[in-house]
C-alpha atoms as a PDB file:
ATOM      1  CA  MET A   1     103.022 113.146  73.749  1.00  0.00           C
ATOM      2  CA  GLY A   2     106.702 113.959  74.195  1.00  0.00           C
ATOM      3  CA  ARG A   3     108.558 113.898  77.507  1.00  0.00           C
ATOM      4  CA  ARG A   4     107.939 117.532  78.419  1.00  0.00           C
ATOM      5  CA  GLU A   5     104.273 117.511  77.470  1.00  0.00           C
ATOM      6  CA  SER A   6     103.655 114.244  79.343  1.00  0.00           C
ATOM      7  CA  PHE A   7     105.500 115.496  82.429  1.00  0.00           C
ATOM      8  CA  PHE A   8     103.651 118.821  82.569  1.00  0.00           C
ATOM      9  CA  SER A   9     100.296 117.141  81.942  1.00  0.00           C
ATOM     10  CA  ALA A  10     100.899 114.844  84.909  1.00  0.00           C
ATOM     11  CA  MET A  11     102.383 117.420  87.302  1.00  0.00           C
ATOM     12  CA  ARG A  12      99.727 120.020  86.471  1.00  0.00           C
ATOM     13  CA  ARG A  13      96.970 117.434  87.009  1.00  0.00           C
ATOM     14  CA  GLN A  14      95.452 117.862  83.557  1.00  0.00           C
ATOM     15  CA  GLY A  15      93.746 114.478  83.487  1.00  0.00           C
ATOM     16  CA  SER A  16      96.470 112.478  81.768  1.00  0.00           C
ATOM     17  CA  GLU A  17      96.838 108.857  82.863  1.00  0.00           C
ATOM     18  CA  PHE A  18     100.551 108.904  81.941  1.00  0.00           C
ATOM     19  CA  ILE A  19     102.826 108.289  84.951  1.00  0.00           C
ATOM     20  CA  PRO A  20     106.366 109.729  84.816  1.00  0.00           C
ATOM     21  CA  PHE A  21     108.906 107.869  86.960  1.00  0.00           C
ATOM     22  CA  GLU A  22     112.459 108.069  88.254  1.00  0.00           C
ATOM     23  CA  PHE A  23     114.806 106.719  90.933  1.00  0.00           C
ATOM     24  CA  VAL A  24     118.273 107.360  92.343  1.00  0.00           C
ATOM     25  CA  LEU A  25     120.788 104.535  92.774  1.00  0.00           C
ATOM     26  CA  CYS A  26     123.477 104.285  95.440  1.00  0.00           C
ATOM     27  CA  PRO A  27     127.047 103.644  94.175  1.00  0.00           C
ATOM     28  CA  SER A  28     126.889  99.838  94.445  1.00  0.00           C
ATOM     29  CA  LEU A  29     123.571  99.718  92.570  1.00  0.00           C
ATOM     30  CA  VAL A  30     125.044 101.938  89.866  1.00  0.00           C
ATOM     31  CA  GLU A  31     127.703  99.277  89.411  1.00  0.00           C
ATOM     32  CA  LYS A  32     125.019  96.585  89.291  1.00  0.00           C
ATOM     33  CA  PHE A  33     123.153  98.611  86.667  1.00  0.00           C
ATOM     34  CA  LYS A  34     126.322  98.809  84.555  1.00  0.00           C
ATOM     35  CA  ALA A  35     126.883  95.066  84.871  1.00  0.00           C
ATOM     36  CA  GLN A  36     123.273  94.261  83.981  1.00  0.00           C
ATOM     37  CA  THR A  37     122.925  96.610  81.004  1.00  0.00           C
ATOM     38  CA  GLY A  38     126.412  97.460  79.753  1.00  0.00           C
ATOM     39  CA  ARG A  39     125.423 101.135  79.976  1.00  0.00           C
ATOM     40  CA  THR A  40     126.696 103.917  82.216  1.00  0.00           C
ATOM     41  CA  ASP A  41     123.842 106.461  82.386  1.00  0.00           C
ATOM     42  CA  TYR A  42     120.705 105.034  83.999  1.00  0.00           C
ATOM     43  CA  GLU A  43     118.749 108.290  83.617  1.00  0.00           C
ATOM     44  CA  GLU A  44     119.172 108.057  79.864  1.00  0.00           C
ATOM     45  CA  TYR A  45     118.704 104.270  79.719  1.00  0.00           C
ATOM     46  CA  TYR A  46     115.359 104.403  81.530  1.00  0.00           C
ATOM     47  CA  ASP A  47     114.359 107.647  79.815  1.00  0.00           C
ATOM     48  CA  PHE A  48     113.618 109.756  82.891  1.00  0.00           C
ATOM     49  CA  PRO A  49     111.874 112.969  81.817  1.00  0.00           C
ATOM     50  CA  GLN A  50     113.992 115.391  83.880  1.00  0.00           C
ATOM     51  CA  ARG A  51     117.638 116.421  84.105  1.00  0.00           C
ATOM     52  CA  ASN A  52     119.217 118.331  86.980  1.00  0.00           C
ATOM     53  CA  LEU A  53     120.994 121.553  86.136  1.00  0.00           C
ATOM     54  CA  TYR A  54     124.610 121.985  87.244  1.00  0.00           C
ATOM     55  CA  LEU A  55     125.557 125.402  88.631  1.00  0.00           C
ATOM     56  CA  PRO A  56     129.356 125.825  88.849  1.00  0.00           C
ATOM     57  CA  PHE A  57     130.702 127.398  92.027  1.00  0.00           C
ATOM     58  CA  VAL A  58     133.465 129.872  91.139  1.00  0.00           C
ATOM     59  CA  GLY A  59     134.104 131.444  94.541  1.00  0.00           C
ATOM     60  CA  ASP A  60     136.948 130.783  96.982  1.00  0.00           C
ATOM     61  CA  ALA A  61     136.633 127.132  97.948  1.00  0.00           C
ATOM     62  CA  THR A  62     139.331 127.440 100.669  1.00  0.00           C
ATOM     63  CA  ARG A  63     137.682 130.146 102.773  1.00  0.00           C
ATOM     64  CA  PHE A  64     136.276 127.644 105.290  1.00  0.00           C
ATOM     65  CA  ASP A  65     139.483 125.665 105.851  1.00  0.00           C
ATOM     66  CA  GLY A  66     140.264 127.479 109.100  1.00  0.00           C
ATOM     67  CA  TYR A  67     136.996 126.370 110.671  1.00  0.00           C
ATOM     68  CA  PHE A  68     138.099 122.708 110.885  1.00  0.00           C
ATOM     69  CA  ALA A  69     141.057 121.476 112.944  1.00  0.00           C
ATOM     70  CA  ASP A  70     140.919 117.914 111.590  1.00  0.00           C
ATOM     71  CA  LYS A  71     140.339 117.559 107.848  1.00  0.00           C
ATOM     72  CA  THR A  72     140.891 113.774 107.697  1.00  0.00           C
ATOM     73  CA  ASN A  73     138.389 112.267 105.235  1.00  0.00           C
ATOM     74  CA  LEU A  74     136.552 115.586 105.394  1.00  0.00           C
ATOM     75  CA  GLN A  75     134.809 117.119 102.406  1.00  0.00           C
ATOM     76  CA  ILE A  76     134.049 120.786 103.001  1.00  0.00           C
ATOM     77  CA  ASN A  77     131.046 122.182 101.159  1.00  0.00           C
ATOM     78  CA  PRO A  78     132.485 125.110  99.159  1.00  0.00           C
ATOM     79  CA  VAL A  79     129.214 127.056  99.196  1.00  0.00           C
ATOM     80  CA  PHE A  80     128.121 127.064 102.855  1.00  0.00           C
ATOM     81  CA  GLY A  81     131.145 125.594 104.624  1.00  0.00           C
ATOM     82  CA  PHE A  82     129.747 122.609 106.509  1.00  0.00           C
ATOM     83  CA  GLY A  83     131.802 119.420 106.441  1.00  0.00           C
ATOM     84  CA  GLN A  84     131.009 115.828 105.617  1.00  0.00           C
ATOM     85  CA  ARG A  85     133.316 113.188 107.049  1.00  0.00           C
ATOM     86  CA  PHE A  86     132.960 110.045 104.961  1.00  0.00           C
ATOM     87  CA  CYS A  87     133.212 106.629 106.587  1.00  0.00           C
ATOM     88  CA  GLY A  88     133.886 104.558 103.469  1.00  0.00           C
ATOM     89  CA  VAL A  89     130.453 102.909 103.361  1.00  0.00           C
ATOM     90  CA  GLU A  90     128.505 103.847 100.239  1.00  0.00           C
ATOM     91  CA  HIS A  91     127.480 107.544 100.361  1.00  0.00           C
ATOM     92  CA  PHE A  92     127.124 107.847 104.146  1.00  0.00           C
ATOM     93  CA  SER A  93     128.879 110.602 106.067  1.00  0.00           C
ATOM     94  CA  HIS A  94     128.873 112.446 109.385  1.00  0.00           C
ATOM     95  CA  MET A  95     128.040 116.149 109.322  1.00  0.00           C
ATOM     96  CA  GLU A  96     130.655 118.508 110.801  1.00  0.00           C
ATOM     97  CA  SER A  97     129.261 121.929 111.789  1.00  0.00           C
ATOM     98  CA  PRO A  98     131.751 124.827 111.735  1.00  0.00           C
ATOM     99  CA  MET A  99     129.681 127.230 113.893  1.00  0.00           C
ATOM    100  CA  MET A 100     128.479 124.907 116.643  1.00  0.00           C
ATOM    101  CA  ASP A 101     130.188 126.933 119.392  1.00  0.00           C
ATOM    102  CA  ALA A 102     129.838 130.370 117.789  1.00  0.00           C
ATOM    103  CA  GLU A 103     128.226 133.413 119.371  1.00  0.00           C
ATOM    104  CA  CYS A 104     125.829 135.783 117.632  1.00  0.00           C
ATOM    105  CA  GLU A 105     128.559 138.261 116.676  1.00  0.00           C
ATOM    106  CA  ASP A 106     130.602 135.490 115.024  1.00  0.00           C
ATOM    107  CA  PHE A 107     127.958 135.074 112.317  1.00  0.00           C
ATOM    108  CA  ALA A 108     128.733 138.580 111.033  1.00  0.00           C
ATOM    109  CA  LYS A 109     132.191 137.297 110.055  1.00  0.00           C
ATOM    110  CA  TYR A 110     131.069 133.994 108.543  1.00  0.00           C
ATOM    111  CA  PRO A 111     131.912 133.866 104.800  1.00  0.00           C
ATOM    112  CA  TYR A 112     128.485 133.131 103.356  1.00  0.00           C
ATOM    113  CA  PRO A 113     128.489 132.901  99.539  1.00  0.00           C
ATOM    114  CA  ASP A 114     127.597 135.765  97.244  1.00  0.00           C
ATOM    115  CA  ALA A 115     124.597 134.522  95.271  1.00  0.00           C
ATOM    116  CA  GLU A 116     125.651 136.456  92.180  1.00  0.00           C
ATOM    117  CA  LYS A 117     129.454 136.523  92.113  1.00  0.00           C
ATOM    118  CA  ASP A 118     130.247 133.047  93.467  1.00  0.00           C
ATOM    119  CA  PHE A 119     128.333 131.105  90.791  1.00  0.00           C
ATOM    120  CA  ASP A 120     128.618 130.932  87.016  1.00  0.00           C
ATOM    121  CA  TRP A 121     124.986 131.543  86.131  1.00  0.00           C
ATOM    122  CA  SER A 122     125.809 131.733  82.426  1.00  0.00           C
ATOM    123  CA  ALA A 123     126.529 127.969  82.487  1.00  0.00           C
ATOM    124  CA  LEU A 124     122.804 127.269  82.753  1.00  0.00           C
ATOM    125  CA  ASP A 125     121.993 128.673  79.319  1.00  0.00           C
ATOM    126  CA  ALA A 126     123.571 125.871  77.301  1.00  0.00           C
ATOM    127  CA  GLN A 127     122.186 123.190  79.618  1.00  0.00           C
ATOM    128  CA  ILE A 128     118.626 124.461  79.391  1.00  0.00           C
ATOM    129  CA  LYS A 129     118.880 124.888  75.635  1.00  0.00           C
ATOM    130  CA  SER A 130     120.172 121.319  75.268  1.00  0.00           C
ATOM    131  CA  ASN A 131     117.399 119.969  77.495  1.00  0.00           C
ATOM    132  CA  LEU A 132     114.773 121.749  75.433  1.00  0.00           C
ATOM    133  CA  GLU A 133     116.216 120.328  72.236  1.00  0.00           C
ATOM    134  CA  LYS A 134     116.154 116.822  73.737  1.00  0.00           C
ATOM    135  CA  ASP A 135     112.666 117.345  75.180  1.00  0.00           C
ATOM    136  CA  TYR A 136     113.851 117.088  78.801  1.00  0.00           C
ATOM    137  CA  ILE A 137     112.599 119.000  81.836  1.00  0.00           C
ATOM    138  CA  SER A 138     115.256 121.267  83.428  1.00  0.00           C
ATOM    139  CA  VAL A 139     115.318 120.914  87.216  1.00  0.00           C
ATOM    140  CA  ALA A 140     117.123 123.407  89.448  1.00  0.00           C
ATOM    141  CA  PRO A 141     118.329 121.532  92.574  1.00  0.00           C
ATOM    142  CA  MET A 142     118.093 123.748  95.658  1.00  0.00           C
ATOM    143  CA  GLU A 143     117.107 121.325  98.410  1.00  0.00           C
ATOM    144  CA  MET A 144     118.470 121.874 101.913  1.00  0.00           C
ATOM    145  CA  THR A 145     116.987 125.265 101.222  1.00  0.00           C
ATOM    146  CA  ILE A 146     116.958 127.044 104.571  1.00  0.00           C
ATOM    147  CA  PHE A 147     116.525 124.939 107.741  1.00  0.00           C
ATOM    148  CA  GLU A 148     118.900 122.126 106.816  1.00  0.00           C
ATOM    149  CA  THR A 149     121.604 124.520 105.673  1.00  0.00           C
ATOM    150  CA  ALA A 150     121.193 126.405 108.964  1.00  0.00           C
ATOM    151  CA  TRP A 151     121.645 123.326 111.110  1.00  0.00           C
ATOM    152  CA  TYR A 152     124.434 121.936 108.940  1.00  0.00           C
ATOM    153  CA  ILE A 153     126.370 125.096 109.764  1.00  0.00           C
ATOM    154  CA  ARG A 154     125.313 125.294 113.419  1.00  0.00           C
ATOM    155  CA  GLY A 155     124.698 121.665 114.405  1.00  0.00           C
ATOM    156  CA  MET A 156     121.224 120.152 114.635  1.00  0.00           C
ATOM    157  CA  GLU A 157     120.750 120.057 118.413  1.00  0.00           C
ATOM    158  CA  THR A 158     122.325 123.481 118.822  1.00  0.00           C
ATOM    159  CA  PHE A 159     120.189 125.076 116.137  1.00  0.00           C
ATOM    160  CA  LEU A 160     116.964 123.502 117.422  1.00  0.00           C
ATOM    161  CA  MET A 161     117.805 124.916 120.860  1.00  0.00           C
ATOM    162  CA  ASP A 162     118.556 128.278 119.273  1.00  0.00           C
ATOM    163  CA  MET A 163     115.046 128.348 117.795  1.00  0.00           C
ATOM    164  CA  LEU A 164     113.628 128.198 121.345  1.00  0.00           C
ATOM    165  CA  ALA A 165     116.274 129.743 123.600  1.00  0.00           C
ATOM    166  CA  GLU A 166     118.172 132.067 121.244  1.00  0.00           C
ATOM    167  CA  PRO A 167     115.569 133.091 118.644  1.00  0.00           C
ATOM    168  CA  GLU A 168     117.452 136.229 117.593  1.00  0.00           C
ATOM    169  CA  LEU A 169     120.523 134.157 116.710  1.00  0.00           C
ATOM    170  CA  ALA A 170     118.400 131.553 114.914  1.00  0.00           C
ATOM    171  CA  GLN A 171     116.595 134.205 112.904  1.00  0.00           C
ATOM    172  CA  LEU A 172     119.847 135.941 111.995  1.00  0.00           C
ATOM    173  CA  GLN A 173     121.147 132.660 110.593  1.00  0.00           C
ATOM    174  CA  LEU A 174     117.869 131.959 108.771  1.00  0.00           C
ATOM    175  CA  ASP A 175     117.796 135.472 107.305  1.00  0.00           C
ATOM    176  CA  ASN A 176     121.364 135.203 106.022  1.00  0.00           C
ATOM    177  CA  ILE A 177     120.546 131.948 104.233  1.00  0.00           C
ATOM    178  CA  THR A 178     117.144 133.125 102.976  1.00  0.00           C
ATOM    179  CA  HIS A 179     118.707 136.214 101.381  1.00  0.00           C
ATOM    180  CA  ILE A 180     121.018 133.956  99.362  1.00  0.00           C
ATOM    181  CA  ARG A 181     118.308 131.464  98.435  1.00  0.00           C
ATOM    182  CA  VAL A 182     115.903 134.176  97.254  1.00  0.00           C
ATOM    183  CA  LYS A 183     118.463 135.441  94.749  1.00  0.00           C
ATOM    184  CA  MET A 184     119.368 131.932  93.624  1.00  0.00           C
ATOM    185  CA  ALA A 185     115.705 131.034  93.107  1.00  0.00           C
ATOM    186  CA  GLU A 186     115.177 134.193  91.060  1.00  0.00           C
ATOM    187  CA  ASN A 187     118.228 133.486  88.907  1.00  0.00           C
ATOM    188  CA  TYR A 188     117.272 129.859  88.281  1.00  0.00           C
ATOM    189  CA  ALA A 189     113.801 130.990  87.209  1.00  0.00           C
ATOM    190  CA  LYS A 190     115.127 133.763  84.979  1.00  0.00           C
ATOM    191  CA  ALA A 191     117.448 131.241  83.293  1.00  0.00           C
ATOM    192  CA  GLY A 192     114.405 129.146  82.335  1.00  0.00           C
ATOM    193  CA  ALA A 193     114.343 126.242  84.806  1.00  0.00           C
ATOM    194  CA  ASP A 194     111.096 124.262  84.574  1.00  0.00           C
ATOM    195  CA  VAL A 195     111.155 122.962  88.158  1.00  0.00           C
ATOM    196  CA  LEU A 196     112.758 124.439  91.275  1.00  0.00           C
ATOM    197  CA  ARG A 197     113.537 121.714  93.798  1.00  0.00           C
ATOM    198  CA  LEU A 198     113.307 123.058  97.332  1.00  0.00           C
ATOM    199  CA  GLY A 199     113.239 121.102 100.547  1.00  0.00           C
ATOM    200  CA  ASP A 200     114.117 120.796 104.207  1.00  0.00           C
ATOM    201  CA  ASP A 201     113.634 117.771 106.430  1.00  0.00           C
ATOM    202  CA  VAL A 202     111.560 119.272 109.258  1.00  0.00           C
ATOM    203  CA  ALA A 203     109.833 116.086 110.434  1.00  0.00           C
ATOM    204  CA  THR A 204     110.697 112.765 112.000  1.00  0.00           C
ATOM    205  CA  GLN A 205     108.900 109.603 110.982  1.00  0.00           C
ATOM    206  CA  LEU A 206     106.417 110.141 113.801  1.00  0.00           C
ATOM    207  CA  ASN A 207     105.648 113.851 113.557  1.00  0.00           C
ATOM    208  CA  MET A 208     107.138 117.298 113.112  1.00  0.00           C
ATOM    209  CA  MET A 209     110.691 117.846 114.357  1.00  0.00           C
ATOM    210  CA  MET A 210     109.547 121.159 115.844  1.00  0.00           C
ATOM    211  CA  SER A 211     106.118 122.481 116.733  1.00  0.00           C
ATOM    212  CA  PRO A 212     104.047 123.542 113.718  1.00  0.00           C
ATOM    213  CA  ASP A 213     103.790 127.002 115.320  1.00  0.00           C
ATOM    214  CA  ILE A 214     107.594 127.368 115.365  1.00  0.00           C
ATOM    215  CA  TRP A 215     107.745 126.189 111.743  1.00  0.00           C
ATOM    216  CA  ARG A 216     105.010 128.652 110.761  1.00  0.00           C
ATOM    217  CA  SER A 217     106.686 131.587 112.478  1.00  0.00           C
ATOM    218  CA  MET A 218     110.331 130.934 111.555  1.00  0.00           C
ATOM    219  CA  LEU A 219     110.416 128.895 108.361  1.00  0.00           C
ATOM    220  CA  LYS A 220     107.158 129.323 106.454  1.00  0.00           C
ATOM    221  CA  PRO A 221     107.501 133.076 105.719  1.00  0.00           C
ATOM    222  CA  ARG A 222     111.110 132.689 104.642  1.00  0.00           C
ATOM    223  CA  LEU A 223     110.299 129.767 102.365  1.00  0.00           C
ATOM    224  CA  LYS A 224     107.482 131.860 100.895  1.00  0.00           C
ATOM    225  CA  LYS A 225     110.008 134.585 100.005  1.00  0.00           C
ATOM    226  CA  VAL A 226     112.045 132.023  98.041  1.00  0.00           C
ATOM    227  CA  ILE A 227     108.984 130.702  96.215  1.00  0.00           C
ATOM    228  CA  ASP A 228     107.659 134.202  95.490  1.00  0.00           C
ATOM    229  CA  ALA A 229     111.012 135.205  93.997  1.00  0.00           C
ATOM    230  CA  ALA A 230     110.984 132.243  91.608  1.00  0.00           C
ATOM    231  CA  LYS A 231     107.352 132.661  90.579  1.00  0.00           C
ATOM    232  CA  SER A 232     107.729 136.415  90.085  1.00  0.00           C
ATOM    233  CA  ALA A 233     110.566 135.741  87.642  1.00  0.00           C
ATOM    234  CA  LYS A 234     108.825 132.807  85.893  1.00  0.00           C
ATOM    235  CA  PRO A 235     105.147 132.379  86.830  1.00  0.00           C
ATOM    236  CA  ASP A 236     104.829 128.892  85.314  1.00  0.00           C
ATOM    237  CA  ILE A 237     107.825 127.412  87.151  1.00  0.00           C
ATOM    238  CA  LEU A 238     106.825 124.359  89.200  1.00  0.00           C
ATOM    239  CA  ILE A 239     107.870 124.413  92.857  1.00  0.00           C
ATOM    240  CA  PHE A 240     108.895 120.990  94.194  1.00  0.00           C
ATOM    241  CA  TYR A 241     109.299 120.555  97.947  1.00  0.00           C
ATOM    242  CA  HIS A 242     111.154 117.623  99.520  1.00  0.00           C
ATOM    243  CA  GLY A 243     110.638 116.733 103.146  1.00  0.00           C
ATOM    244  CA  ASP A 244     111.150 113.291 104.657  1.00  0.00           C
ATOM    245  CA  GLY A 245     108.959 111.977 107.434  1.00  0.00           C
ATOM    246  CA  ASN A 246     105.448 112.830 108.596  1.00  0.00           C
ATOM    247  CA  MET A 247     104.788 116.410 107.473  1.00  0.00           C
ATOM    248  CA  PHE A 248     101.010 116.001 107.223  1.00  0.00           C
ATOM    249  CA  GLU A 249     100.362 118.891 109.641  1.00  0.00           C
ATOM    250  CA  ILE A 250     102.018 121.439 107.347  1.00  0.00           C
ATOM    251  CA  LEU A 251     101.094 120.123 103.893  1.00  0.00           C
ATOM    252  CA  GLY A 252      98.286 122.662 103.622  1.00  0.00           C
ATOM    253  CA  ASP A 253     100.717 125.453 104.554  1.00  0.00           C
ATOM    254  CA  LEU A 254     103.175 124.376 101.872  1.00  0.00           C
ATOM    255  CA  ILE A 255     100.432 124.402  99.239  1.00  0.00           C
ATOM    256  CA  GLU A 256      99.259 127.816 100.508  1.00  0.00           C
ATOM    257  CA  ILE A 257     102.674 129.418  99.873  1.00  0.00           C
ATOM    258  CA  GLY A 258     103.006 128.024  96.367  1.00  0.00           C
ATOM    259  CA  VAL A 259     104.340 124.460  96.454  1.00  0.00           C
ATOM    260  CA  ASP A 260     103.142 122.544  93.364  1.00  0.00           C
ATOM    261  CA  ILE A 261     104.770 119.139  93.980  1.00  0.00           C
ATOM    262  CA  LEU A 262     105.272 117.297  97.282  1.00  0.00           C
ATOM    263  CA  ASN A 263     108.056 114.749  97.744  1.00  0.00           C
ATOM    264  CA  PRO A 264     108.715 112.033  98.842  1.00  0.00           C
ATOM    265  CA  ILE A 265     105.425 111.092 100.598  1.00  0.00           C
ATOM    266  CA  GLN A 266     107.073 108.345 102.665  1.00  0.00           C
ATOM    267  CA  PRO A 267     104.431 105.610 102.891  1.00  0.00           C
ATOM    268  CA  GLU A 268     105.892 104.439 106.207  1.00  0.00           C
ATOM    269  CA  CYS A 269     104.918 107.857 107.634  1.00  0.00           C
ATOM    270  CA  MET A 270     102.095 109.243 105.491  1.00  0.00           C
ATOM    271  CA  ASP A 271      99.496 107.351 103.468  1.00  0.00           C
ATOM    272  CA  PRO A 272      99.843 108.492  99.829  1.00  0.00           C
ATOM    273  CA  VAL A 273      96.168 107.684  99.178  1.00  0.00           C
ATOM    274  CA  LYS A 274      95.082 109.889 102.102  1.00  0.00           C
ATOM    275  CA  VAL A 275      97.371 112.702 100.920  1.00  0.00           C
ATOM    276  CA  LYS A 276      95.883 112.387  97.432  1.00  0.00           C
ATOM    277  CA  GLN A 277      92.324 112.410  98.777  1.00  0.00           C
ATOM    278  CA  THR A 278      93.000 115.410 101.017  1.00  0.00           C
ATOM    279  CA  PHE A 279      95.199 117.595  98.834  1.00  0.00           C
ATOM    280  CA  GLY A 280      95.253 115.998  95.375  1.00  0.00           C
ATOM    281  CA  ASP A 281      93.201 118.721  93.710  1.00  0.00           C
ATOM    282  CA  ARG A 282      95.826 121.322  94.673  1.00  0.00           C
ATOM    283  CA  VAL A 283      99.197 119.578  94.580  1.00  0.00           C
ATOM    284  CA  SER A 284     100.995 116.724  92.801  1.00  0.00           C
ATOM    285  CA  LEU A 285     102.914 113.896  94.455  1.00  0.00           C
ATOM    286  CA  TRP A 286     106.423 112.731  93.529  1.00  0.00           C
ATOM    287  CA  GLY A 287     107.522 109.497  95.205  1.00  0.00           C
ATOM    288  CA  CYS A 288     105.205 107.269  97.311  1.00  0.00           C
ATOM    289  CA  ILE A 289     107.135 103.948  97.123  1.00  0.00           C
ATOM    290  CA  GLY A 290     108.736 102.831 100.388  1.00  0.00           C
ATOM    291  CA  THR A 291     112.505 102.475 100.560  1.00  0.00           C
ATOM    292  CA  GLN A 292     112.304 101.038 104.079  1.00  0.00           C
ATOM    293  CA  THR A 293     109.682  98.461 103.124  1.00  0.00           C
ATOM    294  CA  THR A 294     108.667  97.674  99.552  1.00  0.00           C
ATOM    295  CA  MET A 295     111.857  98.232  97.600  1.00  0.00           C
ATOM    296  CA  PRO A 296     114.385  96.482  99.874  1.00  0.00           C
ATOM    297  CA  PHE A 297     112.176  93.807 101.441  1.00  0.00           C
ATOM    298  CA  GLY A 298     109.338  93.134  99.009  1.00  0.00           C
ATOM    299  CA  THR A 299     109.326  90.490  96.300  1.00  0.00           C
ATOM    300  CA  PRO A 300     109.066  91.584  92.652  1.00  0.00           C
ATOM    301  CA  ASP A 301     105.378  90.612  92.751  1.00  0.00           C
ATOM    302  CA  GLU A 302     104.864  92.771  95.834  1.00  0.00           C
ATOM    303  CA  VAL A 303     106.650  95.704  94.175  1.00  0.00           C
ATOM    304  CA  GLU A 304     104.350  95.293  91.184  1.00  0.00           C
ATOM    305  CA  ALA A 305     101.258  95.187  93.399  1.00  0.00           C
ATOM    306  CA  VAL A 306     102.235  98.330  95.330  1.00  0.00           C
ATOM    307  CA  CYS A 307     103.042 100.243  92.140  1.00  0.00           C
ATOM    308  CA  THR A 308      99.794  99.140  90.514  1.00  0.00           C
ATOM    309  CA  LYS A 309      97.782 100.330  93.536  1.00  0.00           C
ATOM    310  CA  LEU A 310      99.550 103.708  93.574  1.00  0.00           C
ATOM    311  CA  ILE A 311      99.048 104.211  89.842  1.00  0.00           C
ATOM    312  CA  LYS A 312      95.354 103.374  90.165  1.00  0.00           C
ATOM    313  CA  GLU A 313      94.547 105.321  93.336  1.00  0.00           C
ATOM    314  CA  VAL A 314      97.098 108.149  93.480  1.00  0.00           C
ATOM    315  CA  GLY A 315      97.727 108.619  89.766  1.00  0.00           C
ATOM    316  CA  LYS A 316      94.070 108.891  88.829  1.00  0.00           C
ATOM    317  CA  GLY A 317      93.490 112.127  86.931  1.00  0.00           C
ATOM    318  CA  GLY A 318      97.166 113.018  86.983  1.00  0.00           C
ATOM    319  CA  GLY A 319      99.316 114.388  89.763  1.00  0.00           C
ATOM    320  CA  LEU A 320     101.736 111.496  90.283  1.00  0.00           C
ATOM    321  CA  LEU A 321     105.379 110.957  89.427  1.00  0.00           C
ATOM    322  CA  LEU A 322     106.084 107.480  90.758  1.00  0.00           C
ATOM    323  CA  ALA A 323     109.424 107.067  92.495  1.00  0.00           C
ATOM    324  CA  PRO A 324     111.044 105.490  95.531  1.00  0.00           C
ATOM    325  CA  SER A 325     110.905 107.809  98.523  1.00  0.00           C
ATOM    326  CA  HIS A 326     114.693 107.971  98.824  1.00  0.00           C
ATOM    327  CA  ILE A 327     117.888 106.786  97.174  1.00  0.00           C
ATOM    328  CA  LEU A 328     117.853 103.023  96.570  1.00  0.00           C
ATOM    329  CA  GLU A 329     120.373 101.442  98.938  1.00  0.00           C
ATOM    330  CA  PRO A 330     122.441  98.224  98.575  1.00  0.00           C
ATOM    331  CA  GLU A 331     119.721  96.020 100.126  1.00  0.00           C
ATOM    332  CA  VAL A 332     117.436  96.569  97.136  1.00  0.00           C
ATOM    333  CA  LYS A 333     117.384  93.544  94.846  1.00  0.00           C
ATOM    334  CA  TRP A 334     117.899  94.353  91.177  1.00  0.00           C
ATOM    335  CA  GLU A 335     114.803  92.313  90.369  1.00  0.00           C
ATOM    336  CA  ASN A 336     112.763  94.838  92.350  1.00  0.00           C
ATOM    337  CA  VAL A 337     114.142  97.740  90.310  1.00  0.00           C
ATOM    338  CA  GLU A 338     113.207  95.883  87.139  1.00  0.00           C
ATOM    339  CA  ALA A 339     109.717  95.103  88.505  1.00  0.00           C
ATOM    340  CA  PHE A 340     109.143  98.798  89.277  1.00  0.00           C
ATOM    341  CA  VAL A 341     110.217  99.884  85.784  1.00  0.00           C
ATOM    342  CA  LYS A 342     108.197  97.126  84.126  1.00  0.00           C
ATOM    343  CA  VAL A 343     104.880  97.987  85.772  1.00  0.00           C
ATOM    344  CA  VAL A 344     105.152 101.725  85.062  1.00  0.00           C
ATOM    345  CA  LYS A 345     106.183 101.239  81.452  1.00  0.00           C
ATOM    346  CA  SER A 346     103.437  98.669  80.927  1.00  0.00           C
ATOM    347  CA  HIS A 347     100.871 101.118  82.278  1.00  0.00           C
ATOM    348  CA  ASN A 348     102.133 103.976  80.110  1.00  0.00           C
ATOM    349  CA  GLU A 349     102.116 101.847  76.968  1.00  0.00           C
ATOM    350  CA  SER A 350      98.435 101.127  77.572  1.00  0.00           C
ATOM    351  CA  CYS A 351      97.459 104.802  77.980  1.00  0.00           C
END
């Protein structure tokens, strides 16, 4: 089978034993990859099945400048206007929220993007065509879909308090963002994206960041609107949902509103085998390898053992794309990356 056929067979749980895989490297590991291989593109080198689509922003990138008094080392997101102040260590940054002290009426003046006019949607055509010709899956990246974008703009503590004490303000903000995301999801689907990557971190490593009832009343119906828009435009599009931490309480809800793939299934927070046993007939899993445990602190033999167990128990009958649960950070030994790749490729060659 080719890349696309193998990927779809796995993610649609069609009984294939083939296990797609991927990972994301931090900047210093990218440099290590280049030194080890003499290559520059690790997605191509390791033959990942998917490629992210790039949607150019063509709106006014300066319209948020007035919201920040100090722009030192600040990168302002041109789409939604939140800031990231970089500290010079790898990819880490501090979020700067432009509307932390705003009142309800101030949101009417906030320059949210126009989902049609501020993006060059025509740029997707050539990318999707090229991916099809090369047998790659086209992935539309739209994580930080609603909740995270809302708190990036408002500030996390402030927005969480809004959800309880100022629900009208919180819902106004959520509605503004949802309106944009619905149109973007529809346009990505109409363009021919194979996978729509949604996601919001709504849990800590212990449990939900908010009560499940608050999530179900404020976020679930809005996320459903986004998913419905994509699936109405392209019924066979796969909906991927990323959420760090222990989201076990709402996994059934996510499946109910149309999520096809769950990510990252942090093994430090949720047992991938239990998730597979509970929901594996209705949803696929993308991730499952610990980036707080196995990848940085395990030996190559331990990495191999964990991957082998996941392939055997979670990958049985399909429904698994094996991947680290987050970006691989500097602490990860290169030998562990090689051990991960080796065990997956060895398994796939035997299928």
